[in-house]
Amino acid sequence: MGKIVKVILDDLPHHPLHKMWLELAEKLAKELGVELEVKKEDYVFAMEHGDTDDLGMTWLPQLFVQLEDGSVKLVMSQFPFDPATGKSDPERAYKEAKTRIGEIERDP
């Protein structure tokens, strides 16, 4: 697929989990040694590159990576919750994002 050159967070600053999304994006960008771009409520970007519902509507926040060829790949569109507590789970989010990034990096 190519080398990851940027982490992109399409953010919704007033979202209840905004801070967790931002911390995740910052951590991933730092570990990958790449730039972090934070878009603010760019629904067109999310519709072009992210998840949408059955009516074609999208939601935010969503997390992406950009590859050296300019293509954009979705990393995460839903922040995971701990099934036992029902609370958002930053550690699970990090593990899921790392797994997805690994899949993107291995995809020929």
C-alpha atoms as a PDB file:
ATOM      1  CA  MET A   1       0.000   0.000   0.000  1.00  0.00           C
ATOM      2  CA  GLY A   2       2.711   2.424   0.958  1.00  0.00           C
ATOM      3  CA  LYS A   3       4.165   4.323   3.829  1.00  0.00           C
ATOM      4  CA  ILE A   4       1.930   6.267   6.215  1.00  0.00           C
ATOM      5  CA  VAL A   5       2.801   9.964   6.065  1.00  0.00           C
ATOM      6  CA  LYS A   6       0.023  11.535   8.114  1.00  0.00           C
ATOM      7  CA  VAL A   7      -2.607  10.797  10.744  1.00  0.00           C
ATOM      8  CA  ILE A   8      -5.851  12.701  10.129  1.00  0.00           C
ATOM      9  CA  LEU A   9      -8.535  13.263  12.745  1.00  0.00           C
ATOM     10  CA  ASP A  10     -11.791  14.636  11.341  1.00  0.00           C
ATOM     11  CA  ASP A  11     -12.991  16.087  14.596  1.00  0.00           C
ATOM     12  CA  LEU A  12     -16.129  17.437  16.173  1.00  0.00           C
ATOM     13  CA  PRO A  13     -14.823  19.711  18.959  1.00  0.00           C
ATOM     14  CA  HIS A  14     -18.031  19.603  21.009  1.00  0.00           C
ATOM     15  CA  HIS A  15     -18.308  15.792  20.858  1.00  0.00           C
ATOM     16  CA  PRO A  16     -18.325  14.228  24.367  1.00  0.00           C
ATOM     17  CA  LEU A  17     -15.329  12.038  23.487  1.00  0.00           C
ATOM     18  CA  HIS A  18     -13.419  14.794  21.645  1.00  0.00           C
ATOM     19  CA  LYS A  19     -10.510  14.735  24.090  1.00  0.00           C
ATOM     20  CA  MET A  20     -10.139  10.946  23.860  1.00  0.00           C
ATOM     21  CA  TRP A  21     -10.161  11.040  20.047  1.00  0.00           C
ATOM     22  CA  LEU A  22      -7.553  13.806  20.032  1.00  0.00           C
ATOM     23  CA  GLU A  23      -5.294  12.014  22.529  1.00  0.00           C
ATOM     24  CA  LEU A  24      -5.503   8.822  20.463  1.00  0.00           C
ATOM     25  CA  ALA A  25      -4.629  10.668  17.244  1.00  0.00           C
ATOM     26  CA  GLU A  26      -1.721  12.480  18.917  1.00  0.00           C
ATOM     27  CA  LYS A  27      -0.347   9.232  20.360  1.00  0.00           C
ATOM     28  CA  LEU A  28      -0.533   7.407  17.028  1.00  0.00           C
ATOM     29  CA  ALA A  29       1.066  10.256  15.086  1.00  0.00           C
ATOM     30  CA  LYS A  30       3.903  10.467  17.595  1.00  0.00           C
ATOM     31  CA  GLU A  31       4.527   6.698  17.512  1.00  0.00           C
ATOM     32  CA  LEU A  32       4.476   6.648  13.714  1.00  0.00           C
ATOM     33  CA  GLY A  33       6.687   9.736  13.547  1.00  0.00           C
ATOM     34  CA  VAL A  34       4.293  11.525  11.214  1.00  0.00           C
ATOM     35  CA  GLU A  35       2.310  14.748  11.070  1.00  0.00           C
ATOM     36  CA  LEU A  36      -1.100  15.004  12.694  1.00  0.00           C
ATOM     37  CA  GLU A  37      -3.740  16.949  10.784  1.00  0.00           C
ATOM     38  CA  VAL A  38      -6.911  17.833  12.673  1.00  0.00           C
ATOM     39  CA  LYS A  39      -9.840  18.735  10.456  1.00  0.00           C
ATOM     40  CA  LYS A  40     -12.786  20.497  12.061  1.00  0.00           C
ATOM     41  CA  GLU A  41     -16.177  19.135  11.039  1.00  0.00           C
ATOM     42  CA  ASP A  42     -15.182  18.278   7.458  1.00  0.00           C
ATOM     43  CA  TYR A  43     -18.188  16.135   6.581  1.00  0.00           C
ATOM     44  CA  VAL A  44     -17.280  16.040   2.878  1.00  0.00           C
ATOM     45  CA  PHE A  45     -13.909  14.491   3.742  1.00  0.00           C
ATOM     46  CA  ALA A  46     -15.594  11.965   6.037  1.00  0.00           C
ATOM     47  CA  MET A  47     -18.156  11.068   3.357  1.00  0.00           C
ATOM     48  CA  GLU A  48     -15.404  10.556   0.764  1.00  0.00           C
ATOM     49  CA  HIS A  49     -13.080   8.481   2.951  1.00  0.00           C
ATOM     50  CA  GLY A  50     -14.940   7.285   6.036  1.00  0.00           C
ATOM     51  CA  ASP A  51     -17.925   5.308   7.195  1.00  0.00           C
ATOM     52  CA  THR A  52     -21.456   6.262   6.257  1.00  0.00           C
ATOM     53  CA  ASP A  53     -24.848   4.882   7.197  1.00  0.00           C
ATOM     54  CA  ASP A  54     -27.287   3.205   4.807  1.00  0.00           C
ATOM     55  CA  LEU A  55     -28.513   6.638   3.668  1.00  0.00           C
ATOM     56  CA  GLY A  56     -25.001   7.843   2.827  1.00  0.00           C
ATOM     57  CA  MET A  57     -24.769  10.129   5.849  1.00  0.00           C
ATOM     58  CA  THR A  58     -21.579  10.268   7.889  1.00  0.00           C
ATOM     59  CA  TRP A  59     -20.702  11.151  11.464  1.00  0.00           C
ATOM     60  CA  LEU A  60     -17.733  12.556  13.319  1.00  0.00           C
ATOM     61  CA  PRO A  61     -15.175  12.102  14.767  1.00  0.00           C
ATOM     62  CA  GLN A  62     -13.417   9.633  12.488  1.00  0.00           C
ATOM     63  CA  LEU A  63      -9.705   8.767  12.328  1.00  0.00           C
ATOM     64  CA  PHE A  64      -7.696   8.225   9.130  1.00  0.00           C
ATOM     65  CA  VAL A  65      -4.165   7.804   7.818  1.00  0.00           C
ATOM     66  CA  GLN A  66      -2.802   9.209   4.590  1.00  0.00           C
ATOM     67  CA  LEU A  67      -0.300   7.169   2.596  1.00  0.00           C
ATOM     68  CA  GLU A  68       2.619   8.454   0.555  1.00  0.00           C
ATOM     69  CA  ASP A  69       0.632   7.936  -2.658  1.00  0.00           C
ATOM     70  CA  GLY A  70      -1.996  10.390  -1.356  1.00  0.00           C
ATOM     71  CA  SER A  71      -4.654   7.791  -0.630  1.00  0.00           C
ATOM     72  CA  VAL A  72      -6.577   8.030   2.636  1.00  0.00           C
ATOM     73  CA  LYS A  73      -7.579   4.995   4.683  1.00  0.00           C
ATOM     74  CA  LEU A  74     -10.075   4.810   7.517  1.00  0.00           C
ATOM     75  CA  VAL A  75      -8.632   3.683  10.838  1.00  0.00           C
ATOM     76  CA  MET A  76     -11.595   4.124  13.184  1.00  0.00           C
ATOM     77  CA  SER A  77     -15.094   5.587  13.024  1.00  0.00           C
ATOM     78  CA  GLN A  78     -16.511   4.477  16.379  1.00  0.00           C
ATOM     79  CA  PHE A  79     -14.755   4.842  19.717  1.00  0.00           C
ATOM     80  CA  PRO A  80     -14.976   1.464  21.487  1.00  0.00           C
ATOM     81  CA  PHE A  81     -16.618   0.943  24.845  1.00  0.00           C
ATOM     82  CA  ASP A  82     -15.834  -1.532  27.598  1.00  0.00           C
ATOM     83  CA  PRO A  83     -18.685  -4.064  27.436  1.00  0.00           C
ATOM     84  CA  ALA A  84     -18.556  -4.630  31.198  1.00  0.00           C
ATOM     85  CA  THR A  85     -18.839  -0.987  32.232  1.00  0.00           C
ATOM     86  CA  GLY A  86     -20.349   0.686  29.167  1.00  0.00           C
ATOM     87  CA  LYS A  87     -17.698   3.406  29.418  1.00  0.00           C
ATOM     88  CA  SER A  88     -15.401   4.545  26.629  1.00  0.00           C
ATOM     89  CA  ASP A  89     -12.192   2.538  26.577  1.00  0.00           C
ATOM     90  CA  PRO A  90      -9.071   4.439  25.412  1.00  0.00           C
ATOM     91  CA  GLU A  91      -6.836   1.370  25.731  1.00  0.00           C
ATOM     92  CA  ARG A  92      -9.153  -0.702  23.548  1.00  0.00           C
ATOM     93  CA  ALA A  93      -9.319   2.189  21.058  1.00  0.00           C
ATOM     94  CA  TYR A  94      -5.518   2.306  20.896  1.00  0.00           C
ATOM     95  CA  LYS A  95      -5.241  -1.465  20.342  1.00  0.00           C
ATOM     96  CA  GLU A  96      -7.930  -1.453  17.634  1.00  0.00           C
ATOM     97  CA  ALA A  97      -6.303   1.513  15.881  1.00  0.00           C
ATOM     98  CA  LYS A  98      -2.865  -0.127  15.993  1.00  0.00           C
ATOM     99  CA  THR A  99      -4.322  -3.347  14.567  1.00  0.00           C
ATOM    100  CA  ARG A 100      -6.008  -1.448  11.727  1.00  0.00           C
ATOM    101  CA  ILE A 101      -2.846   0.544  10.978  1.00  0.00           C
ATOM    102  CA  GLY A 102      -0.913  -2.728  10.819  1.00  0.00           C
ATOM    103  CA  GLU A 103      -3.448  -4.079   8.312  1.00  0.00           C
ATOM    104  CA  ILE A 104      -3.121  -0.920   6.202  1.00  0.00           C
ATOM    105  CA  GLU A 105       0.682  -1.141   6.252  1.00  0.00           C
ATOM    106  CA  ARG A 106       0.636  -4.831   5.211  1.00  0.00           C
ATOM    107  CA  ASP A 107      -1.981  -4.462   2.450  1.00  0.00           C
ATOM    108  CA  PRO A 108      -0.166  -4.778  -0.908  1.00  0.00           C
END
